[in-house]
Amino acid sequence: MLAAYVPPPPDPTFDQDAYNQQYADEYWQTHPKPTFNPDSADGYGPDQELPPACLRLEGVDC
């Protein structure tokens, strides 16, 4: 008796752009938007939590 060929399941696809957008939406729902301070070295006011790098910089994935 011969075994029937069963092809492997397809590789799951991962949409990095969709994930980044979902992460950003969820992050901003739970964290206040930081205020810009031009006199600060990092551009954020004192005692503010910095957003993750993927939300502050271009080309960085979450």
C-alpha atoms as a PDB file:
ATOM      1  CA  MET A   1       0.000   0.000   0.000  1.00  0.00           C
ATOM      2  CA  LEU A   2       1.371   3.391  -0.960  1.00  0.00           C
ATOM      3  CA  ALA A   3       1.062   6.446   1.259  1.00  0.00           C
ATOM      4  CA  ALA A   4      -0.697   9.435  -0.213  1.00  0.00           C
ATOM      5  CA  TYR A   5       1.381  12.588  -0.527  1.00  0.00           C
ATOM      6  CA  VAL A   6       0.199  15.294   1.822  1.00  0.00           C
ATOM      7  CA  PRO A   7       1.752  18.665   1.044  1.00  0.00           C
ATOM      8  CA  PRO A   8       3.089  20.624   4.010  1.00  0.00           C
ATOM      9  CA  PRO A   9       0.910  23.413   5.352  1.00  0.00           C
ATOM     10  CA  PRO A  10       1.674  26.817   3.847  1.00  0.00           C
ATOM     11  CA  ASP A  11       4.025  29.066   5.752  1.00  0.00           C
ATOM     12  CA  PRO A  12       2.083  31.632   7.754  1.00  0.00           C
ATOM     13  CA  THR A  13       2.515  35.124   6.473  1.00  0.00           C
ATOM     14  CA  PHE A  14       3.370  37.942   8.805  1.00  0.00           C
ATOM     15  CA  ASP A  15       2.469  41.520   7.946  1.00  0.00           C
ATOM     16  CA  GLN A  16       5.001  43.687   9.788  1.00  0.00           C
ATOM     17  CA  ASP A  17       3.317  46.949   8.765  1.00  0.00           C
ATOM     18  CA  ALA A  18      -0.043  45.806  10.130  1.00  0.00           C
ATOM     19  CA  TYR A  19       1.619  44.689  13.368  1.00  0.00           C
ATOM     20  CA  ASN A  20       3.414  48.036  13.741  1.00  0.00           C
ATOM     21  CA  GLN A  21       0.136  49.903  13.244  1.00  0.00           C
ATOM     22  CA  GLN A  22      -1.714  47.701  15.740  1.00  0.00           C
ATOM     23  CA  TYR A  23       1.090  48.155  18.277  1.00  0.00           C
ATOM     24  CA  ALA A  24       1.031  51.939  17.835  1.00  0.00           C
ATOM     25  CA  ASP A  25      -2.758  52.092  18.195  1.00  0.00           C
ATOM     26  CA  GLU A  26      -2.715  50.025  21.395  1.00  0.00           C
ATOM     27  CA  TYR A  27       0.227  51.957  22.827  1.00  0.00           C
ATOM     28  CA  TRP A  28      -1.351  55.381  22.305  1.00  0.00           C
ATOM     29  CA  GLN A  29      -4.653  54.219  23.831  1.00  0.00           C
ATOM     30  CA  THR A  30      -2.889  53.433  27.104  1.00  0.00           C
ATOM     31  CA  HIS A  31      -0.203  56.140  27.187  1.00  0.00           C
ATOM     32  CA  PRO A  32      -0.479  59.931  26.955  1.00  0.00           C
ATOM     33  CA  LYS A  33       1.112  61.640  23.969  1.00  0.00           C
ATOM     34  CA  PRO A  34       4.376  63.285  25.047  1.00  0.00           C
ATOM     35  CA  THR A  35       4.719  67.007  24.561  1.00  0.00           C
ATOM     36  CA  PHE A  36       7.530  68.423  22.454  1.00  0.00           C
ATOM     37  CA  ASN A  37      10.101  70.548  24.265  1.00  0.00           C
ATOM     38  CA  PRO A  38      12.596  72.250  21.927  1.00  0.00           C
ATOM     39  CA  ASP A  39      14.906  73.069  24.852  1.00  0.00           C
ATOM     40  CA  SER A  40      15.321  69.407  25.797  1.00  0.00           C
ATOM     41  CA  ALA A  41      18.084  67.299  24.257  1.00  0.00           C
ATOM     42  CA  ASP A  42      15.716  64.485  23.291  1.00  0.00           C
ATOM     43  CA  GLY A  43      12.801  66.759  22.373  1.00  0.00           C
ATOM     44  CA  TYR A  44      10.558  65.577  25.201  1.00  0.00           C
ATOM     45  CA  GLY A  45       9.651  67.486  28.305  1.00  0.00           C
ATOM     46  CA  PRO A  46      10.917  66.573  31.771  1.00  0.00           C
ATOM     47  CA  ASP A  47       9.558  63.497  33.550  1.00  0.00           C
ATOM     48  CA  GLN A  48       7.915  62.090  30.419  1.00  0.00           C
ATOM     49  CA  GLU A  49       8.104  58.452  29.457  1.00  0.00           C
ATOM     50  CA  LEU A  50       9.755  58.073  26.075  1.00  0.00           C
ATOM     51  CA  PRO A  51       7.717  56.106  23.535  1.00  0.00           C
ATOM     52  CA  PRO A  52       9.360  52.949  22.160  1.00  0.00           C
ATOM     53  CA  ALA A  53      11.898  53.494  19.400  1.00  0.00           C
ATOM     54  CA  CYS A  54       9.577  52.012  16.785  1.00  0.00           C
ATOM     55  CA  LEU A  55       7.115  54.853  17.425  1.00  0.00           C
ATOM     56  CA  ARG A  56       9.744  57.616  17.502  1.00  0.00           C
ATOM     57  CA  LEU A  57      12.009  56.616  14.625  1.00  0.00           C
ATOM     58  CA  GLU A  58      11.400  55.721  11.011  1.00  0.00           C
ATOM     59  CA  GLY A  59      12.508  52.326   9.716  1.00  0.00           C
ATOM     60  CA  VAL A  60      12.444  50.621  13.132  1.00  0.00           C
ATOM     61  CA  ASP A  61      10.045  47.707  13.568  1.00  0.00           C
ATOM     62  CA  CYS A  62       8.218  46.986  16.804  1.00  0.00           C
END
